[in-house]
Amino acid sequence: VAEGVQATWLAVAVGLVLLAIGQLVAVPVTAALGNGGAIAEAAVSWL
């Protein structure tokens, strides 16, 4: 069970880092994958 405690601490720490990075790169990454235009705009609003 103690393995679960430490895994949860890792989840919180890594999750917050990924959240911050994701918000920073959301627009360029969705534009690249969505080939720009309406598809990319829809994708970034959801992401």
ModelCIF file with pLDDT and N, C-alpha, C, O atoms, coordinates in Angstrom:
data_MODEL
#
_entry.id   MODEL 
#
_entity.id                         1 
_entity.type                       polymer 
_entity.pdbx_number_of_molecules   1 
#
_entity_poly.entity_id                      1 
_entity_poly.type                           'polypeptide(L)' 
_entity_poly.nstd_linkage                   no 
_entity_poly.nstd_monomer                   no 
_entity_poly.pdbx_seq_one_letter_code       VAEGVQATWLAVAVGLVLLAIGQLVAVPVTAALGNGGAIAEAAVSWL 
_entity_poly.pdbx_seq_one_letter_code_can   VAEGVQATWLAVAVGLVLLAIGQLVAVPVTAALGNGGAIAEAAVSWL 
_entity_poly.pdbx_strand_id                 A 
#
loop_
_entity_poly_seq.entity_id 
_entity_poly_seq.num 
_entity_poly_seq.mon_id 
_entity_poly_seq.hetero 
1 1  VAL n 
1 2  ALA n 
1 3  GLU n 
1 4  GLY n 
1 5  VAL n 
1 6  GLN n 
1 7  ALA n 
1 8  THR n 
1 9  TRP n 
1 10 LEU n 
1 11 ALA n 
1 12 VAL n 
1 13 ALA n 
1 14 VAL n 
1 15 GLY n 
1 16 LEU n 
1 17 VAL n 
1 18 LEU n 
1 19 LEU n 
1 20 ALA n 
1 21 ILE n 
1 22 GLY n 
1 23 GLN n 
1 24 LEU n 
1 25 VAL n 
1 26 ALA n 
1 27 VAL n 
1 28 PRO n 
1 29 VAL n 
1 30 THR n 
1 31 ALA n 
1 32 ALA n 
1 33 LEU n 
1 34 GLY n 
1 35 ASN n 
1 36 GLY n 
1 37 GLY n 
1 38 ALA n 
1 39 ILE n 
1 40 ALA n 
1 41 GLU n 
1 42 ALA n 
1 43 ALA n 
1 44 VAL n 
1 45 SER n 
1 46 TRP n 
1 47 LEU n 
#
_struct_asym.id          A 
_struct_asym.entity_id   1 
#
loop_
_ma_qa_metric.id 
_ma_qa_metric.mode 
_ma_qa_metric.name 
_ma_qa_metric.software_group_id 
_ma_qa_metric.type 
1 global pLDDT . pLDDT 
2 local  pLDDT . pLDDT 
#
_ma_qa_metric_global.metric_id      1 
_ma_qa_metric_global.metric_value   88.11 
_ma_qa_metric_global.model_id       1 
_ma_qa_metric_global.ordinal_id     1 
#
loop_
_ma_qa_metric_local.label_asym_id 
_ma_qa_metric_local.label_comp_id 
_ma_qa_metric_local.label_seq_id 
_ma_qa_metric_local.metric_id 
_ma_qa_metric_local.metric_value 
_ma_qa_metric_local.model_id 
_ma_qa_metric_local.ordinal_id 
A VAL 1  2 89.00 1 1  
A ALA 2  2 87.00 1 2  
A GLU 3  2 87.00 1 3  
A GLY 4  2 89.00 1 4  
A VAL 5  2 91.00 1 5  
A GLN 6  2 91.00 1 6  
A ALA 7  2 91.00 1 7  
A THR 8  2 94.00 1 8  
A TRP 9  2 93.00 1 9  
A LEU 10 2 90.00 1 10 
A ALA 11 2 91.00 1 11 
A VAL 12 2 92.00 1 12 
A ALA 13 2 88.00 1 13 
A VAL 14 2 88.00 1 14 
A GLY 15 2 91.00 1 15 
A LEU 16 2 93.00 1 16 
A VAL 17 2 92.00 1 17 
A LEU 18 2 90.00 1 18 
A LEU 19 2 93.00 1 19 
A ALA 20 2 94.00 1 20 
A ILE 21 2 93.00 1 21 
A GLY 22 2 91.00 1 22 
A GLN 23 2 94.00 1 23 
A LEU 24 2 93.00 1 24 
A VAL 25 2 92.00 1 25 
A ALA 26 2 89.00 1 26 
A VAL 27 2 90.00 1 27 
A PRO 28 2 91.00 1 28 
A VAL 29 2 87.00 1 29 
A THR 30 2 86.00 1 30 
A ALA 31 2 86.00 1 31 
A ALA 32 2 82.00 1 32 
A LEU 33 2 75.00 1 33 
A GLY 34 2 70.00 1 34 
A ASN 35 2 68.00 1 35 
A GLY 36 2 71.00 1 36 
A GLY 37 2 79.00 1 37 
A ALA 38 2 84.00 1 38 
A ILE 39 2 85.00 1 39 
A ALA 40 2 86.00 1 40 
A GLU 41 2 88.00 1 41 
A ALA 42 2 88.00 1 42 
A ALA 43 2 90.00 1 43 
A VAL 44 2 91.00 1 44 
A SER 45 2 92.00 1 45 
A TRP 46 2 92.00 1 46 
A LEU 47 2 94.00 1 47 
#
loop_
_atom_site.group_PDB 
_atom_site.id 
_atom_site.type_symbol 
_atom_site.label_atom_id 
_atom_site.label_alt_id 
_atom_site.label_comp_id 
_atom_site.label_asym_id 
_atom_site.label_entity_id 
_atom_site.label_seq_id 
_atom_site.pdbx_PDB_ins_code 
_atom_site.Cartn_x 
_atom_site.Cartn_y 
_atom_site.Cartn_z 
_atom_site.occupancy 
_atom_site.B_iso_or_equiv 
_atom_site.pdbx_formal_charge 
_atom_site.auth_seq_id 
_atom_site.auth_comp_id 
_atom_site.auth_asym_id 
_atom_site.auth_atom_id 
_atom_site.pdbx_PDB_model_num 
ATOM 1   N N  . VAL A 1 1  ? 0.834   -1.206 0.000   1.00 89.00 ? 1  VAL A N  1 
ATOM 2   C CA . VAL A 1 1  ? 0.000   0.000  0.000   1.00 89.00 ? 1  VAL A CA 1 
ATOM 3   C C  . VAL A 1 1  ? 0.861   1.246  0.000   1.00 89.00 ? 1  VAL A C  1 
ATOM 4   O O  . VAL A 1 1  ? 0.512   2.238  -0.640  1.00 89.00 ? 1  VAL A O  1 
ATOM 5   N N  . ALA A 1 2  ? 1.989   1.212  0.711   1.00 87.00 ? 2  ALA A N  1 
ATOM 6   C CA . ALA A 1 2  ? 2.906   2.358  0.743   1.00 87.00 ? 2  ALA A CA 1 
ATOM 7   C C  . ALA A 1 2  ? 3.415   2.702  -0.653  1.00 87.00 ? 2  ALA A C  1 
ATOM 8   O O  . ALA A 1 2  ? 3.718   3.861  -0.938  1.00 87.00 ? 2  ALA A O  1 
ATOM 9   N N  . GLU A 1 3  ? 3.510   1.696  -1.526  1.00 87.00 ? 3  GLU A N  1 
ATOM 10  C CA . GLU A 1 3  ? 3.872   1.973  -2.919  1.00 87.00 ? 3  GLU A CA 1 
ATOM 11  C C  . GLU A 1 3  ? 2.837   2.910  -3.551  1.00 87.00 ? 3  GLU A C  1 
ATOM 12  O O  . GLU A 1 3  ? 3.186   3.780  -4.349  1.00 87.00 ? 3  GLU A O  1 
ATOM 13  N N  . GLY A 1 4  ? 1.572   2.726  -3.191  1.00 89.00 ? 4  GLY A N  1 
ATOM 14  C CA . GLY A 1 4  ? 0.513   3.585  -3.716  1.00 89.00 ? 4  GLY A CA 1 
ATOM 15  C C  . GLY A 1 4  ? 0.614   5.016  -3.229  1.00 89.00 ? 4  GLY A C  1 
ATOM 16  O O  . GLY A 1 4  ? 0.305   5.945  -3.976  1.00 89.00 ? 4  GLY A O  1 
ATOM 17  N N  . VAL A 1 5  ? 1.040   5.211  -1.990  1.00 91.00 ? 5  VAL A N  1 
ATOM 18  C CA . VAL A 1 5  ? 1.217   6.567  -1.449  1.00 91.00 ? 5  VAL A CA 1 
ATOM 19  C C  . VAL A 1 5  ? 2.260   7.320  -2.267  1.00 91.00 ? 5  VAL A C  1 
ATOM 20  O O  . VAL A 1 5  ? 2.041   8.451  -2.700  1.00 91.00 ? 5  VAL A O  1 
ATOM 21  N N  . GLN A 1 6  ? 3.397   6.665  -2.467  1.00 91.00 ? 6  GLN A N  1 
ATOM 22  C CA . GLN A 1 6  ? 4.488   7.340  -3.181  1.00 91.00 ? 6  GLN A CA 1 
ATOM 23  C C  . GLN A 1 6  ? 4.133   7.549  -4.659  1.00 91.00 ? 6  GLN A C  1 
ATOM 24  O O  . GLN A 1 6  ? 4.507   8.564  -5.246  1.00 91.00 ? 6  GLN A O  1 
ATOM 25  N N  . ALA A 1 7  ? 3.418   6.599  -5.257  1.00 91.00 ? 7  ALA A N  1 
ATOM 26  C CA . ALA A 1 7  ? 2.970   6.771  -6.644  1.00 91.00 ? 7  ALA A CA 1 
ATOM 27  C C  . ALA A 1 7  ? 2.000   7.937  -6.759  1.00 91.00 ? 7  ALA A C  1 
ATOM 28  O O  . ALA A 1 7  ? 1.990   8.635  -7.773  1.00 91.00 ? 7  ALA A O  1 
ATOM 29  N N  . THR A 1 8  ? 1.187   8.155  -5.737  1.00 94.00 ? 8  THR A N  1 
ATOM 30  C CA . THR A 1 8  ? 0.244   9.270  -5.752  1.00 94.00 ? 8  THR A CA 1 
ATOM 31  C C  . THR A 1 8  ? 0.973   10.609 -5.660  1.00 94.00 ? 8  THR A C  1 
ATOM 32  O O  . THR A 1 8  ? 0.610   11.566 -6.344  1.00 94.00 ? 8  THR A O  1 
ATOM 33  N N  . TRP A 1 9  ? 2.012   10.673 -4.803  1.00 93.00 ? 9  TRP A N  1 
ATOM 34  C CA . TRP A 1 9  ? 2.822   11.894 -4.760  1.00 93.00 ? 9  TRP A CA 1 
ATOM 35  C C  . TRP A 1 9  ? 3.458   12.185 -6.115  1.00 93.00 ? 9  TRP A C  1 
ATOM 36  O O  . TRP A 1 9  ? 3.486   13.333 -6.560  1.00 93.00 ? 9  TRP A O  1 
ATOM 37  N N  . LEU A 1 10 ? 3.964   11.150 -6.764  1.00 90.00 ? 10 LEU A N  1 
ATOM 38  C CA . LEU A 1 10 ? 4.527   11.328 -8.104  1.00 90.00 ? 10 LEU A CA 1 
ATOM 39  C C  . LEU A 1 10 ? 3.468   11.811 -9.087  1.00 90.00 ? 10 LEU A C  1 
ATOM 40  O O  . LEU A 1 10 ? 3.747   12.655 -9.939  1.00 90.00 ? 10 LEU A O  1 
ATOM 41  N N  . ALA A 1 11 ? 2.258   11.278 -8.972  1.00 91.00 ? 11 ALA A N  1 
ATOM 42  C CA . ALA A 1 11 ? 1.164   11.661 -9.868  1.00 91.00 ? 11 ALA A CA 1 
ATOM 43  C C  . ALA A 1 11 ? 0.858   13.147 -9.762  1.00 91.00 ? 11 ALA A C  1 
ATOM 44  O O  . ALA A 1 11 ? 0.676   13.826 -10.773 1.00 91.00 ? 11 ALA A O  1 
ATOM 45  N N  . VAL A 1 12 ? 0.801   13.648 -8.533  1.00 92.00 ? 12 VAL A N  1 
ATOM 46  C CA . VAL A 1 12 ? 0.505   15.067 -8.327  1.00 92.00 ? 12 VAL A CA 1 
ATOM 47  C C  . VAL A 1 12 ? 1.613   15.942 -8.916  1.00 92.00 ? 12 VAL A C  1 
ATOM 48  O O  . VAL A 1 12 ? 1.342   16.893 -9.649  1.00 92.00 ? 12 VAL A O  1 
ATOM 49  N N  . ALA A 1 13 ? 2.855   15.610 -8.588  1.00 88.00 ? 13 ALA A N  1 
ATOM 50  C CA . ALA A 1 13 ? 3.980   16.434 -9.040  1.00 88.00 ? 13 ALA A CA 1 
ATOM 51  C C  . ALA A 1 13 ? 4.103   16.434 -10.562 1.00 88.00 ? 13 ALA A C  1 
ATOM 52  O O  . ALA A 1 13 ? 4.196   17.491 -11.185 1.00 88.00 ? 13 ALA A O  1 
ATOM 53  N N  . VAL A 1 14 ? 4.102   15.255 -11.143 1.00 88.00 ? 14 VAL A N  1 
ATOM 54  C CA . VAL A 1 14 ? 4.275   15.156 -12.593 1.00 88.00 ? 14 VAL A CA 1 
ATOM 55  C C  . VAL A 1 14 ? 3.055   15.708 -13.315 1.00 88.00 ? 14 VAL A C  1 
ATOM 56  O O  . VAL A 1 14 ? 3.185   16.338 -14.364 1.00 88.00 ? 14 VAL A O  1 
ATOM 57  N N  . GLY A 1 15 ? 1.870   15.474 -12.759 1.00 91.00 ? 15 GLY A N  1 
ATOM 58  C CA . GLY A 1 15 ? 0.652   15.975 -13.380 1.00 91.00 ? 15 GLY A CA 1 
ATOM 59  C C  . GLY A 1 15 ? 0.622   17.483 -13.485 1.00 91.00 ? 15 GLY A C  1 
ATOM 60  O O  . GLY A 1 15 ? 0.188   18.025 -14.501 1.00 91.00 ? 15 GLY A O  1 
ATOM 61  N N  . LEU A 1 16 ? 1.077   18.171 -12.448 1.00 93.00 ? 16 LEU A N  1 
ATOM 62  C CA . LEU A 1 16 ? 1.104   19.638 -12.484 1.00 93.00 ? 16 LEU A CA 1 
ATOM 63  C C  . LEU A 1 16 ? 2.108   20.153 -13.516 1.00 93.00 ? 16 LEU A C  1 
ATOM 64  O O  . LEU A 1 16 ? 1.855   21.140 -14.207 1.00 93.00 ? 16 LEU A O  1 
ATOM 65  N N  . VAL A 1 17 ? 3.246   19.472 -13.608 1.00 92.00 ? 17 VAL A N  1 
ATOM 66  C CA . VAL A 1 17 ? 4.246   19.865 -14.615 1.00 92.00 ? 17 VAL A CA 1 
ATOM 67  C C  . VAL A 1 17 ? 3.685   19.686 -16.023 1.00 92.00 ? 17 VAL A C  1 
ATOM 68  O O  . VAL A 1 17 ? 3.826   20.573 -16.865 1.00 92.00 ? 17 VAL A O  1 
ATOM 69  N N  . LEU A 1 18 ? 3.053   18.546 -16.281 1.00 90.00 ? 18 LEU A N  1 
ATOM 70  C CA . LEU A 1 18 ? 2.475   18.287 -17.601 1.00 90.00 ? 18 LEU A CA 1 
ATOM 71  C C  . LEU A 1 18 ? 1.350   19.260 -17.926 1.00 90.00 ? 18 LEU A C  1 
ATOM 72  O O  . LEU A 1 18 ? 1.192   19.670 -19.076 1.00 90.00 ? 18 LEU A O  1 
ATOM 73  N N  . LEU A 1 19 ? 0.571   19.629 -16.918 1.00 93.00 ? 19 LEU A N  1 
ATOM 74  C CA . LEU A 1 19 ? -0.498  20.604 -17.120 1.00 93.00 ? 19 LEU A CA 1 
ATOM 75  C C  . LEU A 1 19 ? 0.074   21.934 -17.591 1.00 93.00 ? 19 LEU A C  1 
ATOM 76  O O  . LEU A 1 19 ? -0.430  22.527 -18.544 1.00 93.00 ? 19 LEU A O  1 
ATOM 77  N N  . ALA A 1 20 ? 1.120   22.399 -16.928 1.00 94.00 ? 20 ALA A N  1 
ATOM 78  C CA . ALA A 1 20 ? 1.721   23.677 -17.296 1.00 94.00 ? 20 ALA A CA 1 
ATOM 79  C C  . ALA A 1 20 ? 2.326   23.626 -18.701 1.00 94.00 ? 20 ALA A C  1 
ATOM 80  O O  . ALA A 1 20 ? 2.123   24.533 -19.508 1.00 94.00 ? 20 ALA A O  1 
ATOM 81  N N  . ILE A 1 21 ? 3.064   22.562 -18.978 1.00 93.00 ? 21 ILE A N  1 
ATOM 82  C CA . ILE A 1 21 ? 3.677   22.439 -20.304 1.00 93.00 ? 21 ILE A CA 1 
ATOM 83  C C  . ILE A 1 21 ? 2.608   22.327 -21.389 1.00 93.00 ? 21 ILE A C  1 
ATOM 84  O O  . ILE A 1 21 ? 2.720   22.940 -22.451 1.00 93.00 ? 21 ILE A O  1 
ATOM 85  N N  . GLY A 1 22 ? 1.584   21.548 -21.112 1.00 91.00 ? 22 GLY A N  1 
ATOM 86  C CA . GLY A 1 22 ? 0.520   21.356 -22.087 1.00 91.00 ? 22 GLY A CA 1 
ATOM 87  C C  . GLY A 1 22 ? -0.173  22.649 -22.467 1.00 91.00 ? 22 GLY A C  1 
ATOM 88  O O  . GLY A 1 22 ? -0.471  22.882 -23.638 1.00 91.00 ? 22 GLY A O  1 
ATOM 89  N N  . GLN A 1 23 ? -0.427  23.487 -21.479 1.00 94.00 ? 23 GLN A N  1 
ATOM 90  C CA . GLN A 1 23 ? -1.083  24.761 -21.771 1.00 94.00 ? 23 GLN A CA 1 
ATOM 91  C C  . GLN A 1 23 ? -0.183  25.656 -22.628 1.00 94.00 ? 23 GLN A C  1 
ATOM 92  O O  . GLN A 1 23 ? -0.669  26.397 -23.482 1.00 94.00 ? 23 GLN A O  1 
ATOM 93  N N  . LEU A 1 24 ? 1.118   25.583 -22.398 1.00 93.00 ? 24 LEU A N  1 
ATOM 94  C CA . LEU A 1 24 ? 2.049   26.417 -23.157 1.00 93.00 ? 24 LEU A CA 1 
ATOM 95  C C  . LEU A 1 24 ? 2.137   26.004 -24.622 1.00 93.00 ? 24 LEU A C  1 
ATOM 96  O O  . LEU A 1 24 ? 2.282   26.854 -25.501 1.00 93.00 ? 24 LEU A O  1 
ATOM 97  N N  . VAL A 1 25 ? 2.050   24.709 -24.885 1.00 92.00 ? 25 VAL A N  1 
ATOM 98  C CA . VAL A 1 25 ? 2.271   24.234 -26.259 1.00 92.00 ? 25 VAL A CA 1 
ATOM 99  C C  . VAL A 1 25 ? 0.979   23.840 -26.967 1.00 92.00 ? 25 VAL A C  1 
ATOM 100 O O  . VAL A 1 25 ? 1.025   23.354 -28.097 1.00 92.00 ? 25 VAL A O  1 
ATOM 101 N N  . ALA A 1 26 ? -0.165  24.038 -26.329 1.00 89.00 ? 26 ALA A N  1 
ATOM 102 C CA . ALA A 1 26 ? -1.433  23.564 -26.903 1.00 89.00 ? 26 ALA A CA 1 
ATOM 103 C C  . ALA A 1 26 ? -1.684  24.109 -28.302 1.00 89.00 ? 26 ALA A C  1 
ATOM 104 O O  . ALA A 1 26 ? -2.067  23.356 -29.197 1.00 89.00 ? 26 ALA A O  1 
ATOM 105 N N  . VAL A 1 27 ? -1.473  25.412 -28.503 1.00 90.00 ? 27 VAL A N  1 
ATOM 106 C CA . VAL A 1 27 ? -1.777  26.027 -29.803 1.00 90.00 ? 27 VAL A CA 1 
ATOM 107 C C  . VAL A 1 27 ? -0.862  25.516 -30.918 1.00 90.00 ? 27 VAL A C  1 
ATOM 108 O O  . VAL A 1 27 ? -1.366  25.060 -31.944 1.00 90.00 ? 27 VAL A O  1 
ATOM 109 N N  . PRO A 1 28 ? 0.472   25.574 -30.755 1.00 91.00 ? 28 PRO A N  1 
ATOM 110 C CA . PRO A 1 28 ? 1.316   25.100 -31.863 1.00 91.00 ? 28 PRO A CA 1 
ATOM 111 C C  . PRO A 1 28 ? 1.185   23.608 -32.144 1.00 91.00 ? 28 PRO A C  1 
ATOM 112 O O  . PRO A 1 28 ? 1.270   23.190 -33.299 1.00 91.00 ? 28 PRO A O  1 
ATOM 113 N N  . VAL A 1 29 ? 0.981   22.800 -31.109 1.00 87.00 ? 29 VAL A N  1 
ATOM 114 C CA . VAL A 1 29 ? 0.897   21.361 -31.337 1.00 87.00 ? 29 VAL A CA 1 
ATOM 115 C C  . VAL A 1 29 ? -0.395  20.993 -32.056 1.00 87.00 ? 29 VAL A C  1 
ATOM 116 O O  . VAL A 1 29 ? -0.375  20.192 -32.990 1.00 87.00 ? 29 VAL A O  1 
ATOM 117 N N  . THR A 1 30 ? -1.511  21.564 -31.634 1.00 86.00 ? 30 THR A N  1 
ATOM 118 C CA . THR A 1 30 ? -2.772  21.257 -32.319 1.00 86.00 ? 30 THR A CA 1 
ATOM 119 C C  . THR A 1 30 ? -2.761  21.806 -33.742 1.00 86.00 ? 30 THR A C  1 
ATOM 120 O O  . THR A 1 30 ? -3.350  21.207 -34.642 1.00 86.00 ? 30 THR A O  1 
ATOM 121 N N  . ALA A 1 31 ? -2.093  22.946 -33.950 1.00 86.00 ? 31 ALA A N  1 
ATOM 122 C CA . ALA A 1 31 ? -1.990  23.492 -35.310 1.00 86.00 ? 31 ALA A CA 1 
ATOM 123 C C  . ALA A 1 31 ? -1.191  22.554 -36.213 1.00 86.00 ? 31 ALA A C  1 
ATOM 124 O O  . ALA A 1 31 ? -1.538  22.359 -37.378 1.00 86.00 ? 31 ALA A O  1 
ATOM 125 N N  . ALA A 1 32 ? -0.120  21.976 -35.668 1.00 82.00 ? 32 ALA A N  1 
ATOM 126 C CA . ALA A 1 32 ? 0.706   21.067 -36.459 1.00 82.00 ? 32 ALA A CA 1 
ATOM 127 C C  . ALA A 1 32 ? -0.035  19.773 -36.787 1.00 82.00 ? 32 ALA A C  1 
ATOM 128 O O  . ALA A 1 32 ? -0.007  19.304 -37.924 1.00 82.00 ? 32 ALA A O  1 
ATOM 129 N N  . LEU A 1 33 ? -0.704  19.195 -35.769 1.00 75.00 ? 33 LEU A N  1 
ATOM 130 C CA . LEU A 1 33 ? -1.404  17.935 -35.999 1.00 75.00 ? 33 LEU A CA 1 
ATOM 131 C C  . LEU A 1 33 ? -2.692  18.129 -36.782 1.00 75.00 ? 33 LEU A C  1 
ATOM 132 O O  . LEU A 1 33 ? -3.062  17.280 -37.593 1.00 75.00 ? 33 LEU A O  1 
ATOM 133 N N  . GLY A 1 34 ? -3.383  19.257 -36.540 1.00 70.00 ? 34 GLY A N  1 
ATOM 134 C CA . GLY A 1 34 ? -4.654  19.501 -37.206 1.00 70.00 ? 34 GLY A CA 1 
ATOM 135 C C  . GLY A 1 34 ? -4.534  20.188 -38.541 1.00 70.00 ? 34 GLY A C  1 
ATOM 136 O O  . GLY A 1 34 ? -5.544  20.494 -39.175 1.00 70.00 ? 34 GLY A O  1 
ATOM 137 N N  . ASN A 1 35 ? -3.298  20.440 -38.985 1.00 68.00 ? 35 ASN A N  1 
ATOM 138 C CA . ASN A 1 35 ? -3.055  21.081 -40.286 1.00 68.00 ? 35 ASN A CA 1 
ATOM 139 C C  . ASN A 1 35 ? -3.657  22.484 -40.337 1.00 68.00 ? 35 ASN A C  1 
ATOM 140 O O  . ASN A 1 35 ? -4.048  22.957 -41.404 1.00 68.00 ? 35 ASN A O  1 
ATOM 141 N N  . GLY A 1 36 ? -3.730  23.150 -39.173 1.00 71.00 ? 36 GLY A N  1 
ATOM 142 C CA . GLY A 1 36 ? -4.241  24.515 -39.113 1.00 71.00 ? 36 GLY A CA 1 
ATOM 143 C C  . GLY A 1 36 ? -5.738  24.590 -39.366 1.00 71.00 ? 36 GLY A C  1 
ATOM 144 O O  . GLY A 1 36 ? -6.396  23.557 -39.495 1.00 71.00 ? 36 GLY A O  1 
ATOM 145 N N  . GLY A 1 37 ? -6.278  25.785 -39.439 1.00 79.00 ? 37 GLY A N  1 
ATOM 146 C CA . GLY A 1 37 ? -7.664  25.998 -39.811 1.00 79.00 ? 37 GLY A CA 1 
ATOM 147 C C  . GLY A 1 37 ? -8.658  25.604 -38.737 1.00 79.00 ? 37 GLY A C  1 
ATOM 148 O O  . GLY A 1 37 ? -8.352  25.617 -37.545 1.00 79.00 ? 37 GLY A O  1 
ATOM 149 N N  . ALA A 1 38 ? -9.877  25.247 -39.190 1.00 84.00 ? 38 ALA A N  1 
ATOM 150 C CA . ALA A 1 38 ? -10.995 25.008 -38.282 1.00 84.00 ? 38 ALA A CA 1 
ATOM 151 C C  . ALA A 1 38 ? -10.763 23.791 -37.387 1.00 84.00 ? 38 ALA A C  1 
ATOM 152 O O  . ALA A 1 38 ? -11.156 23.808 -36.220 1.00 84.00 ? 38 ALA A O  1 
ATOM 153 N N  . ILE A 1 39 ? -10.141 22.749 -37.903 1.00 85.00 ? 39 ILE A N  1 
ATOM 154 C CA . ILE A 1 39 ? -9.901  21.544 -37.100 1.00 85.00 ? 39 ILE A CA 1 
ATOM 155 C C  . ILE A 1 39 ? -8.986  21.871 -35.923 1.00 85.00 ? 39 ILE A C  1 
ATOM 156 O O  . ILE A 1 39 ? -9.251  21.457 -34.795 1.00 85.00 ? 39 ILE A O  1 
ATOM 157 N N  . ALA A 1 40 ? -7.914  22.610 -36.184 1.00 86.00 ? 40 ALA A N  1 
ATOM 158 C CA . ALA A 1 40 ? -6.981  22.977 -35.117 1.00 86.00 ? 40 ALA A CA 1 
ATOM 159 C C  . ALA A 1 40 ? -7.648  23.873 -34.082 1.00 86.00 ? 40 ALA A C  1 
ATOM 160 O O  . ALA A 1 40 ? -7.402  23.718 -32.886 1.00 86.00 ? 40 ALA A O  1 
ATOM 161 N N  . GLU A 1 41 ? -8.483  24.805 -34.518 1.00 88.00 ? 41 GLU A N  1 
ATOM 162 C CA . GLU A 1 41 ? -9.183  25.690 -33.577 1.00 88.00 ? 41 GLU A CA 1 
ATOM 163 C C  . GLU A 1 41 ? -10.111 24.893 -32.671 1.00 88.00 ? 41 GLU A C  1 
ATOM 164 O O  . GLU A 1 41 ? -10.177 25.143 -31.467 1.00 88.00 ? 41 GLU A O  1 
ATOM 165 N N  . ALA A 1 42 ? -10.822 23.942 -33.245 1.00 88.00 ? 42 ALA A N  1 
ATOM 166 C CA . ALA A 1 42 ? -11.706 23.100 -32.432 1.00 88.00 ? 42 ALA A CA 1 
ATOM 167 C C  . ALA A 1 42 ? -10.897 22.268 -31.446 1.00 88.00 ? 42 ALA A C  1 
ATOM 168 O O  . ALA A 1 42 ? -11.289 22.108 -30.291 1.00 88.00 ? 42 ALA A O  1 
ATOM 169 N N  . ALA A 1 43 ? -9.773  21.744 -31.906 1.00 90.00 ? 43 ALA A N  1 
ATOM 170 C CA . ALA A 1 43 ? -8.944  20.888 -31.054 1.00 90.00 ? 43 ALA A CA 1 
ATOM 171 C C  . ALA A 1 43 ? -8.398  21.643 -29.847 1.00 90.00 ? 43 ALA A C  1 
ATOM 172 O O  . ALA A 1 43 ? -8.436  21.124 -28.731 1.00 90.00 ? 43 ALA A O  1 
ATOM 173 N N  . VAL A 1 44 ? -7.898  22.842 -30.047 1.00 91.00 ? 44 VAL A N  1 
ATOM 174 C CA . VAL A 1 44 ? -7.271  23.567 -28.941 1.00 91.00 ? 44 VAL A CA 1 
ATOM 175 C C  . VAL A 1 44 ? -8.301  23.987 -27.898 1.00 91.00 ? 44 VAL A C  1 
ATOM 176 O O  . VAL A 1 44 ? -7.985  24.037 -26.709 1.00 91.00 ? 44 VAL A O  1 
ATOM 177 N N  . SER A 1 45 ? -9.527  24.288 -28.322 1.00 92.00 ? 45 SER A N  1 
ATOM 178 C CA . SER A 1 45 ? -10.561 24.675 -27.346 1.00 92.00 ? 45 SER A CA 1 
ATOM 179 C C  . SER A 1 45 ? -10.887 23.519 -26.406 1.00 92.00 ? 45 SER A C  1 
ATOM 180 O O  . SER A 1 45 ? -11.108 23.732 -25.214 1.00 92.00 ? 45 SER A O  1 
ATOM 181 N N  . TRP A 1 46 ? -10.917 22.305 -26.932 1.00 92.00 ? 46 TRP A N  1 
ATOM 182 C CA . TRP A 1 46 ? -11.190 21.125 -26.108 1.00 92.00 ? 46 TRP A CA 1 
ATOM 183 C C  . TRP A 1 46 ? -9.985  20.778 -25.235 1.00 92.00 ? 46 TRP A C  1 
ATOM 184 O O  . TRP A 1 46 ? -10.132 20.443 -24.059 1.00 92.00 ? 46 TRP A O  1 
ATOM 185 N N  . LEU A 1 47 ? -8.791  20.864 -25.826 1.00 94.00 ? 47 LEU A N  1 
ATOM 186 C CA . LEU A 1 47 ? -7.589  20.416 -25.129 1.00 94.00 ? 47 LEU A CA 1 
ATOM 187 C C  . LEU A 1 47 ? -7.270  21.278 -23.914 1.00 94.00 ? 47 LEU A C  1 
ATOM 188 O O  . LEU A 1 47 ? -6.284  21.027 -23.221 1.00 94.00 ? 47 LEU A O  1 
#
